[in-house]
Amino acid sequence: MSLRIKKGDKVIVLAGKEKNKSGKVLKVFPAKNRAVVEGLNMVKKHMRRRSETEQGGIKEVPAAINMSNLALFCSSCNKGVRFSVETAKDKSKSRICKKCQKPI
């Protein structure tokens, strides 16, 4: 299965406690169909001290969100949109917004 949301994309959350918030994708887990978005779905994690300089304690880290709850953010439409993949003659692929027909 080909995932169309990639690392570095700007996405918006469609459902859940972080609904209507946007952020940058930090990591994608294709096998689990999940992605980690910067600053969203923060959970508290108990971290052990690894070295004498590093401090342990409770830290907030972003947790993974299901891909079905994410939509690619179109800067020209200024909202989360559906998109299509267009192949050029030189075999390069680009993602096109379904609403405004501009590349994302």
PDB file of N, CA and C in Angstrom:
ATOM      1  N   MET A   1       0.844  -1.186   0.000  1.00  0.00           N
ATOM      2  CA  MET A   1       0.000   0.000   0.000  1.00  0.00           C
ATOM      3  C   MET A   1       0.885   1.244   0.000  1.00  0.00           C
ATOM      4  N   SER A   2       0.584   2.159  -0.871  1.00  0.00           N
ATOM      5  CA  SER A   2       1.374   3.379  -0.982  1.00  0.00           C
ATOM      6  C   SER A   2       0.761   4.484  -0.124  1.00  0.00           C
ATOM      7  N   LEU A   3       1.555   4.991   0.807  1.00  0.00           N
ATOM      8  CA  LEU A   3       1.090   6.100   1.629  1.00  0.00           C
ATOM      9  C   LEU A   3       1.410   7.398   0.908  1.00  0.00           C
ATOM     10  N   ARG A   4       0.490   8.304   0.889  1.00  0.00           N
ATOM     11  CA  ARG A   4       0.691   9.533   0.144  1.00  0.00           C
ATOM     12  C   ARG A   4       1.125  10.693   1.025  1.00  0.00           C
ATOM     13  N   ILE A   5       1.048  10.532   2.321  1.00  0.00           N
ATOM     14  CA  ILE A   5       1.553  11.559   3.231  1.00  0.00           C
ATOM     15  C   ILE A   5       2.969  11.163   3.610  1.00  0.00           C
ATOM     16  N   LYS A   6       3.895  12.086   3.433  1.00  0.00           N
ATOM     17  CA  LYS A   6       5.302  11.791   3.629  1.00  0.00           C
ATOM     18  C   LYS A   6       5.901  12.671   4.722  1.00  0.00           C
ATOM     19  N   LYS A   7       7.104  12.332   5.140  1.00  0.00           N
ATOM     20  CA  LYS A   7       7.829  13.113   6.133  1.00  0.00           C
ATOM     21  C   LYS A   7       8.078  14.516   5.589  1.00  0.00           C
ATOM     22  N   GLY A   8       7.812  15.528   6.421  1.00  0.00           N
ATOM     23  CA  GLY A   8       8.023  16.915   6.015  1.00  0.00           C
ATOM     24  C   GLY A   8       6.777  17.604   5.486  1.00  0.00           C
ATOM     25  N   ASP A   9       5.702  16.856   5.217  1.00  0.00           N
ATOM     26  CA  ASP A   9       4.451  17.453   4.732  1.00  0.00           C
ATOM     27  C   ASP A   9       3.748  18.214   5.843  1.00  0.00           C
ATOM     28  N   LYS A  10       3.012  19.250   5.474  1.00  0.00           N
ATOM     29  CA  LYS A  10       2.167  19.956   6.432  1.00  0.00           C
ATOM     30  C   LYS A  10       0.783  19.339   6.340  1.00  0.00           C
ATOM     31  N   VAL A  11       0.256  18.898   7.491  1.00  0.00           N
ATOM     32  CA  VAL A  11      -1.040  18.227   7.536  1.00  0.00           C
ATOM     33  C   VAL A  11      -1.950  18.900   8.551  1.00  0.00           C
ATOM     34  N   ILE A  12      -3.247  18.605   8.435  1.00  0.00           N
ATOM     35  CA  ILE A  12      -4.238  19.087   9.386  1.00  0.00           C
ATOM     36  C   ILE A  12      -4.977  17.868   9.929  1.00  0.00           C
ATOM     37  N   VAL A  13      -5.337  17.890  11.206  1.00  0.00           N
ATOM     38  CA  VAL A  13      -6.013  16.763  11.850  1.00  0.00           C
ATOM     39  C   VAL A  13      -7.512  16.908  11.642  1.00  0.00           C
ATOM     40  N   LEU A  14      -8.157  15.821  11.190  1.00  0.00           N
ATOM     41  CA  LEU A  14      -9.583  15.842  10.873  1.00  0.00           C
ATOM     42  C   LEU A  14     -10.464  15.375  12.027  1.00  0.00           C
ATOM     43  N   ALA A  15      -9.924  14.545  12.930  1.00  0.00           N
ATOM     44  CA  ALA A  15     -10.746  13.998  14.007  1.00  0.00           C
ATOM     45  C   ALA A  15      -9.912  13.778  15.255  1.00  0.00           C
ATOM     46  N   GLY A  16     -10.576  13.730  16.405  1.00  0.00           N
ATOM     47  CA  GLY A  16      -9.910  13.466  17.672  1.00  0.00           C
ATOM     48  C   GLY A  16      -9.741  14.719  18.499  1.00  0.00           C
ATOM     49  N   LYS A  17      -8.958  14.598  19.568  1.00  0.00           N
ATOM     50  CA  LYS A  17      -8.802  15.716  20.495  1.00  0.00           C
ATOM     51  C   LYS A  17      -8.010  16.873  19.889  1.00  0.00           C
ATOM     52  N   GLU A  18      -7.239  16.629  18.849  1.00  0.00           N
ATOM     53  CA  GLU A  18      -6.432  17.662  18.190  1.00  0.00           C
ATOM     54  C   GLU A  18      -7.075  18.168  16.900  1.00  0.00           C
ATOM     55  N   LYS A  19      -8.387  18.015  16.750  1.00  0.00           N
ATOM     56  CA  LYS A  19      -9.100  18.384  15.525  1.00  0.00           C
ATOM     57  C   LYS A  19      -8.864  19.848  15.141  1.00  0.00           C
ATOM     58  N   ASN A  20      -8.678  20.092  13.849  1.00  0.00           N
ATOM     59  CA  ASN A  20      -8.453  21.410  13.237  1.00  0.00           C
ATOM     60  C   ASN A  20      -7.097  22.028  13.551  1.00  0.00           C
ATOM     61  N   LYS A  21      -6.189  21.273  14.127  1.00  0.00           N
ATOM     62  CA  LYS A  21      -4.831  21.763  14.364  1.00  0.00           C
ATOM     63  C   LYS A  21      -3.925  21.229  13.262  1.00  0.00           C
ATOM     64  N   SER A  22      -2.886  21.997  12.943  1.00  0.00           N
ATOM     65  CA  SER A  22      -1.995  21.565  11.872  1.00  0.00           C
ATOM     66  C   SER A  22      -0.558  21.505  12.359  1.00  0.00           C
ATOM     67  N   GLY A  23       0.254  20.765  11.639  1.00  0.00           N
ATOM     68  CA  GLY A  23       1.653  20.617  11.983  1.00  0.00           C
ATOM     69  C   GLY A  23       2.411  19.885  10.893  1.00  0.00           C
ATOM     70  N   LYS A  24       3.711  19.743  11.111  1.00  0.00           N
ATOM     71  CA  LYS A  24       4.603  19.103  10.147  1.00  0.00           C
ATOM     72  C   LYS A  24       4.803  17.639  10.536  1.00  0.00           C
ATOM     73  N   VAL A  25       4.793  16.746   9.557  1.00  0.00           N
ATOM     74  CA  VAL A  25       4.986  15.324   9.803  1.00  0.00           C
ATOM     75  C   VAL A  25       6.461  15.064  10.102  1.00  0.00           C
ATOM     76  N   LEU A  26       6.736  14.466  11.271  1.00  0.00           N
ATOM     77  CA  LEU A  26       8.105  14.162  11.672  1.00  0.00           C
ATOM     78  C   LEU A  26       8.528  12.753  11.287  1.00  0.00           C
ATOM     79  N   LYS A  27       7.587  11.805  11.384  1.00  0.00           N
ATOM     80  CA  LYS A  27       7.901  10.408  11.147  1.00  0.00           C
ATOM     81  C   LYS A  27       6.662   9.694  10.629  1.00  0.00           C
ATOM     82  N   VAL A  28       6.847   8.712   9.739  1.00  0.00           N
ATOM     83  CA  VAL A  28       5.733   7.935   9.201  1.00  0.00           C
ATOM     84  C   VAL A  28       6.002   6.457   9.461  1.00  0.00           C
ATOM     85  N   PHE A  29       4.973   5.741   9.923  1.00  0.00           N
ATOM     86  CA  PHE A  29       5.056   4.303  10.152  1.00  0.00           C
ATOM     87  C   PHE A  29       4.105   3.605   9.176  1.00  0.00           C
ATOM     88  N   PRO A  30       4.576   3.222   7.978  1.00  0.00           N
ATOM     89  CA  PRO A  30       3.688   2.648   6.958  1.00  0.00           C
ATOM     90  C   PRO A  30       3.030   1.334   7.377  1.00  0.00           C
ATOM     91  N   ALA A  31       3.744   0.488   8.105  1.00  0.00           N
ATOM     92  CA  ALA A  31       3.181  -0.804   8.498  1.00  0.00           C
ATOM     93  C   ALA A  31       2.001  -0.638   9.456  1.00  0.00           C
ATOM     94  N   LYS A  32       2.060   0.376  10.305  1.00  0.00           N
ATOM     95  CA  LYS A  32       0.995   0.631  11.273  1.00  0.00           C
ATOM     96  C   LYS A  32      -0.006   1.662  10.782  1.00  0.00           C
ATOM     97  N   ASN A  33       0.253   2.277   9.621  1.00  0.00           N
ATOM     98  CA  ASN A  33      -0.609   3.310   9.036  1.00  0.00           C
ATOM     99  C   ASN A  33      -0.767   4.504   9.979  1.00  0.00           C
ATOM    100  N   ARG A  34       0.350   4.936  10.574  1.00  0.00           N
ATOM    101  CA  ARG A  34       0.340   6.032  11.538  1.00  0.00           C
ATOM    102  C   ARG A  34       1.452   7.022  11.224  1.00  0.00           C
ATOM    103  N   ALA A  35       1.310   8.246  11.758  1.00  0.00           N
ATOM    104  CA  ALA A  35       2.325   9.285  11.564  1.00  0.00           C
ATOM    105  C   ALA A  35       2.455  10.113  12.835  1.00  0.00           C
ATOM    106  N   VAL A  36       3.654  10.641  13.073  1.00  0.00           N
ATOM    107  CA  VAL A  36       3.913  11.531  14.205  1.00  0.00           C
ATOM    108  C   VAL A  36       3.945  12.953  13.665  1.00  0.00           C
ATOM    109  N   VAL A  37       3.120  13.835  14.242  1.00  0.00           N
ATOM    110  CA  VAL A  37       3.019  15.222  13.797  1.00  0.00           C
ATOM    111  C   VAL A  37       3.593  16.121  14.888  1.00  0.00           C
ATOM    112  N   GLU A  38       4.410  17.081  14.480  1.00  0.00           N
ATOM    113  CA  GLU A  38       5.112  17.978  15.397  1.00  0.00           C
ATOM    114  C   GLU A  38       4.139  18.789  16.247  1.00  0.00           C
ATOM    115  N   GLY A  39       4.258  18.680  17.572  1.00  0.00           N
ATOM    116  CA  GLY A  39       3.467  19.477  18.502  1.00  0.00           C
ATOM    117  C   GLY A  39       2.045  19.012  18.720  1.00  0.00           C
ATOM    118  N   LEU A  40       1.644  17.891  18.117  1.00  0.00           N
ATOM    119  CA  LEU A  40       0.275  17.400  18.273  1.00  0.00           C
ATOM    120  C   LEU A  40       0.266  16.029  18.943  1.00  0.00           C
ATOM    121  N   ASN A  41      -0.834  15.720  19.626  1.00  0.00           N
ATOM    122  CA  ASN A  41      -1.031  14.444  20.314  1.00  0.00           C
ATOM    123  C   ASN A  41       0.099  14.187  21.316  1.00  0.00           C
ATOM    124  N   MET A  42       0.371  15.185  22.138  1.00  0.00           N
ATOM    125  CA  MET A  42       1.461  15.096  23.111  1.00  0.00           C
ATOM    126  C   MET A  42       1.066  14.179  24.273  1.00  0.00           C
ATOM    127  N   VAL A  43       1.988  13.284  24.651  1.00  0.00           N
ATOM    128  CA  VAL A  43       1.780  12.389  25.781  1.00  0.00           C
ATOM    129  C   VAL A  43       2.964  12.533  26.738  1.00  0.00           C
ATOM    130  N   LYS A  44       2.722  12.243  28.009  1.00  0.00           N
ATOM    131  CA  LYS A  44       3.794  12.311  29.006  1.00  0.00           C
ATOM    132  C   LYS A  44       4.492  10.956  29.047  1.00  0.00           C
ATOM    133  N   LYS A  45       5.822  10.995  28.978  1.00  0.00           N
ATOM    134  CA  LYS A  45       6.610   9.777  28.980  1.00  0.00           C
ATOM    135  C   LYS A  45       7.645   9.850  30.090  1.00  0.00           C
ATOM    136  N   HIS A  46       7.734   8.791  30.867  1.00  0.00           N
ATOM    137  CA  HIS A  46       8.708   8.725  31.950  1.00  0.00           C
ATOM    138  C   HIS A  46      10.038   8.268  31.365  1.00  0.00           C
ATOM    139  N   MET A  47      11.048   9.142  31.437  1.00  0.00           N
ATOM    140  CA  MET A  47      12.349   8.871  30.831  1.00  0.00           C
ATOM    141  C   MET A  47      13.393   8.617  31.915  1.00  0.00           C
ATOM    142  N   ARG A  48      14.191   7.603  31.707  1.00  0.00           N
ATOM    143  CA  ARG A  48      15.290   7.284  32.618  1.00  0.00           C
ATOM    144  C   ARG A  48      16.516   8.111  32.220  1.00  0.00           C
ATOM    145  N   ARG A  49      17.307   8.469  33.201  1.00  0.00           N
ATOM    146  CA  ARG A  49      18.536   9.200  32.937  1.00  0.00           C
ATOM    147  C   ARG A  49      19.519   8.260  32.236  1.00  0.00           C
ATOM    148  N   ARG A  50      20.036   8.662  31.079  1.00  0.00           N
ATOM    149  CA  ARG A  50      20.942   7.811  30.311  1.00  0.00           C
ATOM    150  C   ARG A  50      22.404   8.095  30.612  1.00  0.00           C
ATOM    151  N   SER A  51      22.710   9.327  30.952  1.00  0.00           N
ATOM    152  CA  SER A  51      24.089   9.675  31.298  1.00  0.00           C
ATOM    153  C   SER A  51      24.062  10.648  32.467  1.00  0.00           C
ATOM    154  N   GLU A  52      25.219  10.995  32.957  1.00  0.00           N
ATOM    155  CA  GLU A  52      25.273  11.892  34.104  1.00  0.00           C
ATOM    156  C   GLU A  52      24.867  13.314  33.751  1.00  0.00           C
ATOM    157  N   THR A  53      25.054  13.697  32.489  1.00  0.00           N
ATOM    158  CA  THR A  53      24.681  15.051  32.082  1.00  0.00           C
ATOM    159  C   THR A  53      23.203  15.150  31.726  1.00  0.00           C
ATOM    160  N   GLU A  54      22.636  14.080  31.177  1.00  0.00           N
ATOM    161  CA  GLU A  54      21.221  14.106  30.791  1.00  0.00           C
ATOM    162  C   GLU A  54      20.346  13.878  32.017  1.00  0.00           C
ATOM    163  N   GLN A  55      19.269  14.646  32.094  1.00  0.00           N
ATOM    164  CA  GLN A  55      18.383  14.542  33.250  1.00  0.00           C
ATOM    165  C   GLN A  55      17.189  13.660  32.912  1.00  0.00           C
ATOM    166  N   GLY A  56      16.774  12.842  33.836  1.00  0.00           N
ATOM    167  CA  GLY A  56      15.595  12.010  33.667  1.00  0.00           C
ATOM    168  C   GLY A  56      14.355  12.759  34.128  1.00  0.00           C
ATOM    169  N   GLY A  57      13.210  12.097  34.079  1.00  0.00           N
ATOM    170  CA  GLY A  57      11.971  12.713  34.549  1.00  0.00           C
ATOM    171  C   GLY A  57      10.830  12.485  33.583  1.00  0.00           C
ATOM    172  N   ILE A  58       9.783  13.260  33.744  1.00  0.00           N
ATOM    173  CA  ILE A  58       8.613  13.142  32.898  1.00  0.00           C
ATOM    174  C   ILE A  58       8.719  14.176  31.784  1.00  0.00           C
ATOM    175  N   LYS A  59       8.718  13.696  30.528  1.00  0.00           N
ATOM    176  CA  LYS A  59       8.839  14.588  29.374  1.00  0.00           C
ATOM    177  C   LYS A  59       7.639  14.410  28.463  1.00  0.00           C
ATOM    178  N   GLU A  60       7.275  15.471  27.756  1.00  0.00           N
ATOM    179  CA  GLU A  60       6.177  15.390  26.801  1.00  0.00           C
ATOM    180  C   GLU A  60       6.735  15.133  25.414  1.00  0.00           C
ATOM    181  N   VAL A  61       6.248  14.080  24.768  1.00  0.00           N
ATOM    182  CA  VAL A  61       6.679  13.723  23.421  1.00  0.00           C
ATOM    183  C   VAL A  61       5.438  13.521  22.549  1.00  0.00           C
ATOM    184  N   PRO A  62       5.532  13.789  21.241  1.00  0.00           N
ATOM    185  CA  PRO A  62       4.373  13.560  20.364  1.00  0.00           C
ATOM    186  C   PRO A  62       4.163  12.071  20.099  1.00  0.00           C
ATOM    187  N   ALA A  63       2.908  11.625  20.147  1.00  0.00           N
ATOM    188  CA  ALA A  63       2.559  10.240  19.861  1.00  0.00           C
ATOM    189  C   ALA A  63       2.013  10.149  18.433  1.00  0.00           C
ATOM    190  N   ALA A  64       1.952   8.934  17.908  1.00  0.00           N
ATOM    191  CA  ALA A  64       1.506   8.715  16.532  1.00  0.00           C
ATOM    192  C   ALA A  64      -0.006   8.890  16.407  1.00  0.00           C
ATOM    193  N   ILE A  65      -0.434   9.385  15.236  1.00  0.00           N
ATOM    194  CA  ILE A  65      -1.845   9.576  14.905  1.00  0.00           C
ATOM    195  C   ILE A  65      -2.152   8.709  13.692  1.00  0.00           C
ATOM    196  N   ASN A  66      -3.341   8.137  13.638  1.00  0.00           N
ATOM    197  CA  ASN A  66      -3.735   7.326  12.492  1.00  0.00           C
ATOM    198  C   ASN A  66      -3.823   8.199  11.238  1.00  0.00           C
ATOM    199  N   MET A  67      -3.356   7.655  10.114  1.00  0.00           N
ATOM    200  CA  MET A  67      -3.323   8.410   8.854  1.00  0.00           C
ATOM    201  C   MET A  67      -4.718   8.797   8.360  1.00  0.00           C
ATOM    202  N   SER A  68      -5.738   8.019   8.742  1.00  0.00           N
ATOM    203  CA  SER A  68      -7.096   8.333   8.295  1.00  0.00           C
ATOM    204  C   SER A  68      -7.608   9.621   8.925  1.00  0.00           C
ATOM    205  N   ASN A  69      -6.974  10.081  10.003  1.00  0.00           N
ATOM    206  CA  ASN A  69      -7.372  11.309  10.675  1.00  0.00           C
ATOM    207  C   ASN A  69      -6.572  12.512  10.209  1.00  0.00           C
ATOM    208  N   LEU A  70      -5.746  12.349   9.184  1.00  0.00           N
ATOM    209  CA  LEU A  70      -4.914  13.440   8.670  1.00  0.00           C
ATOM    210  C   LEU A  70      -5.286  13.772   7.233  1.00  0.00           C
ATOM    211  N   ALA A  71      -5.167  15.056   6.889  1.00  0.00           N
ATOM    212  CA  ALA A  71      -5.358  15.499   5.507  1.00  0.00           C
ATOM    213  C   ALA A  71      -4.212  16.428   5.147  1.00  0.00           C
ATOM    214  N   LEU A  72      -3.757  16.345   3.916  1.00  0.00           N
ATOM    215  CA  LEU A  72      -2.679  17.204   3.446  1.00  0.00           C
ATOM    216  C   LEU A  72      -3.175  18.645   3.398  1.00  0.00           C
ATOM    217  N   PHE A  73      -2.352  19.591   3.870  1.00  0.00           N
ATOM    218  CA  PHE A  73      -2.739  20.999   3.953  1.00  0.00           C
ATOM    219  C   PHE A  73      -2.326  21.722   2.674  1.00  0.00           C
ATOM    220  N   CYS A  74      -3.284  22.364   2.006  1.00  0.00           N
ATOM    221  CA  CYS A  74      -3.016  23.144   0.788  1.00  0.00           C
ATOM    222  C   CYS A  74      -2.883  24.609   1.193  1.00  0.00           C
ATOM    223  N   SER A  75      -1.745  25.214   0.883  1.00  0.00           N
ATOM    224  CA  SER A  75      -1.501  26.599   1.299  1.00  0.00           C
ATOM    225  C   SER A  75      -2.340  27.589   0.495  1.00  0.00           C
ATOM    226  N   SER A  76      -2.688  27.272  -0.750  1.00  0.00           N
ATOM    227  CA  SER A  76      -3.497  28.201  -1.536  1.00  0.00           C
ATOM    228  C   SER A  76      -4.971  28.151  -1.129  1.00  0.00           C
ATOM    229  N   CYS A  77      -5.488  26.964  -0.790  1.00  0.00           N
ATOM    230  CA  CYS A  77      -6.872  26.834  -0.310  1.00  0.00           C
ATOM    231  C   CYS A  77      -6.979  27.179   1.172  1.00  0.00           C
ATOM    232  N   ASN A  78      -5.852  27.075   1.889  1.00  0.00           N
ATOM    233  CA  ASN A  78      -5.764  27.330   3.322  1.00  0.00           C
ATOM    234  C   ASN A  78      -6.625  26.373   4.144  1.00  0.00           C
ATOM    235  N   LYS A  79      -6.668  25.095   3.725  1.00  0.00           N
ATOM    236  CA  LYS A  79      -7.380  24.068   4.472  1.00  0.00           C
ATOM    237  C   LYS A  79      -6.891  22.689   4.053  1.00  0.00           C
ATOM    238  N   GLY A  80      -7.332  21.671   4.772  1.00  0.00           N
ATOM    239  CA  GLY A  80      -6.986  20.300   4.436  1.00  0.00           C
ATOM    240  C   GLY A  80      -7.776  19.860   3.221  1.00  0.00           C
ATOM    241  N   VAL A  81      -7.099  19.251   2.253  1.00  0.00           N
ATOM    242  CA  VAL A  81      -7.749  18.904   0.985  1.00  0.00           C
ATOM    243  C   VAL A  81      -7.440  17.468   0.571  1.00  0.00           C
ATOM    244  N   ARG A  82      -8.244  16.991  -0.365  1.00  0.00           N
ATOM    245  CA  ARG A  82      -7.945  15.746  -1.059  1.00  0.00           C
ATOM    246  C   ARG A  82      -7.047  16.098  -2.228  1.00  0.00           C
ATOM    247  N   PHE A  83      -6.258  15.152  -2.674  1.00  0.00           N
ATOM    248  CA  PHE A  83      -5.323  15.447  -3.752  1.00  0.00           C
ATOM    249  C   PHE A  83      -5.183  14.249  -4.682  1.00  0.00           C
ATOM    250  N   SER A  84      -4.675  14.521  -5.871  1.00  0.00           N
ATOM    251  CA  SER A  84      -4.393  13.470  -6.830  1.00  0.00           C
ATOM    252  C   SER A  84      -2.914  13.509  -7.177  1.00  0.00           C
ATOM    253  N   VAL A  85      -2.419  12.418  -7.717  1.00  0.00           N
ATOM    254  CA  VAL A  85      -1.018  12.334  -8.121  1.00  0.00           C
ATOM    255  C   VAL A  85      -0.968  12.388  -9.638  1.00  0.00           C
ATOM    256  N   GLU A  86      -0.195  13.329 -10.159  1.00  0.00           N
ATOM    257  CA  GLU A  86      -0.083  13.523 -11.599  1.00  0.00           C
ATOM    258  C   GLU A  86       1.334  13.166 -12.037  1.00  0.00           C
ATOM    259  N   THR A  87       1.450  12.423 -13.132  1.00  0.00           N
ATOM    260  CA  THR A  87       2.753  12.037 -13.649  1.00  0.00           C
ATOM    261  C   THR A  87       3.076  12.872 -14.879  1.00  0.00           C
ATOM    262  N   ALA A  88       4.243  13.495 -14.879  1.00  0.00           N
ATOM    263  CA  ALA A  88       4.683  14.311 -16.015  1.00  0.00           C
ATOM    264  C   ALA A  88       5.339  13.403 -17.057  1.00  0.00           C
ATOM    265  N   LYS A  89       5.671  13.992 -18.210  1.00  0.00           N
ATOM    266  CA  LYS A  89       6.285  13.212 -19.286  1.00  0.00           C
ATOM    267  C   LYS A  89       7.668  12.698 -18.921  1.00  0.00           C
ATOM    268  N   ASP A  90       8.359  13.411 -18.031  1.00  0.00           N
ATOM    269  CA  ASP A  90       9.687  12.959 -17.610  1.00  0.00           C
ATOM    270  C   ASP A  90       9.611  11.993 -16.428  1.00  0.00           C
ATOM    271  N   LYS A  91       8.445  11.361 -16.217  1.00  0.00           N
ATOM    272  CA  LYS A  91       8.199  10.337 -15.194  1.00  0.00           C
ATOM    273  C   LYS A  91       8.254  10.860 -13.757  1.00  0.00           C
ATOM    274  N   SER A  92       8.256  12.184 -13.562  1.00  0.00           N
ATOM    275  CA  SER A  92       8.232  12.728 -12.206  1.00  0.00           C
ATOM    276  C   SER A  92       6.782  12.889 -11.744  1.00  0.00           C
ATOM    277  N   LYS A  93       6.551  12.613 -10.471  1.00  0.00           N
ATOM    278  CA  LYS A  93       5.201  12.688  -9.913  1.00  0.00           C
ATOM    279  C   LYS A  93       5.056  13.946  -9.076  1.00  0.00           C
ATOM    280  N   SER A  94       3.867  14.533  -9.100  1.00  0.00           N
ATOM    281  CA  SER A  94       3.566  15.687  -8.260  1.00  0.00           C
ATOM    282  C   SER A  94       2.144  15.544  -7.735  1.00  0.00           C
ATOM    283  N   ARG A  95       1.920  16.082  -6.537  1.00  0.00           N
ATOM    284  CA  ARG A  95       0.597  16.024  -5.918  1.00  0.00           C
ATOM    285  C   ARG A  95      -0.162  17.298  -6.237  1.00  0.00           C
ATOM    286  N   ILE A  96      -1.387  17.160  -6.709  1.00  0.00           N
ATOM    287  CA  ILE A  96      -2.221  18.274  -7.142  1.00  0.00           C
ATOM    288  C   ILE A  96      -3.466  18.346  -6.263  1.00  0.00           C
ATOM    289  N   CYS A  97      -3.795  19.561  -5.789  1.00  0.00           N
ATOM    290  CA  CYS A  97      -5.004  19.785  -4.983  1.00  0.00           C
ATOM    291  C   CYS A  97      -6.231  19.575  -5.861  1.00  0.00           C
ATOM    292  N   LYS A  98      -7.228  18.852  -5.363  1.00  0.00           N
ATOM    293  CA  LYS A  98      -8.450  18.590  -6.123  1.00  0.00           C
ATOM    294  C   LYS A  98      -9.320  19.840  -6.266  1.00  0.00           C
ATOM    295  N   LYS A  99      -9.229  20.777  -5.310  1.00  0.00           N
ATOM    296  CA  LYS A  99     -10.052  21.983  -5.346  1.00  0.00           C
ATOM    297  C   LYS A  99      -9.496  23.022  -6.304  1.00  0.00           C
ATOM    298  N   CYS A 100      -8.251  23.460  -6.057  1.00  0.00           N
ATOM    299  CA  CYS A 100      -7.692  24.598  -6.804  1.00  0.00           C
ATOM    300  C   CYS A 100      -6.783  24.168  -7.956  1.00  0.00           C
ATOM    301  N   GLN A 101      -6.528  22.876  -8.110  1.00  0.00           N
ATOM    302  CA  GLN A 101      -5.696  22.322  -9.186  1.00  0.00           C
ATOM    303  C   GLN A 101      -4.257  22.862  -9.182  1.00  0.00           C
ATOM    304  N   LYS A 102      -3.759  23.278  -8.020  1.00  0.00           N
ATOM    305  CA  LYS A 102      -2.390  23.752  -7.900  1.00  0.00           C
ATOM    306  C   LYS A 102      -1.537  22.692  -7.199  1.00  0.00           C
ATOM    307  N   PRO A 103      -0.237  22.643  -7.509  1.00  0.00           N
ATOM    308  CA  PRO A 103       0.617  21.658  -6.831  1.00  0.00           C
ATOM    309  C   PRO A 103       0.792  21.966  -5.349  1.00  0.00           C
ATOM    310  N   ILE A 104       0.870  20.912  -4.574  1.00  0.00           N
ATOM    311  CA  ILE A 104       1.020  21.060  -3.120  1.00  0.00           C
ATOM    312  C   ILE A 104       2.481  20.983  -2.768  1.00  0.00           C
TER     313      ILE A 104
END
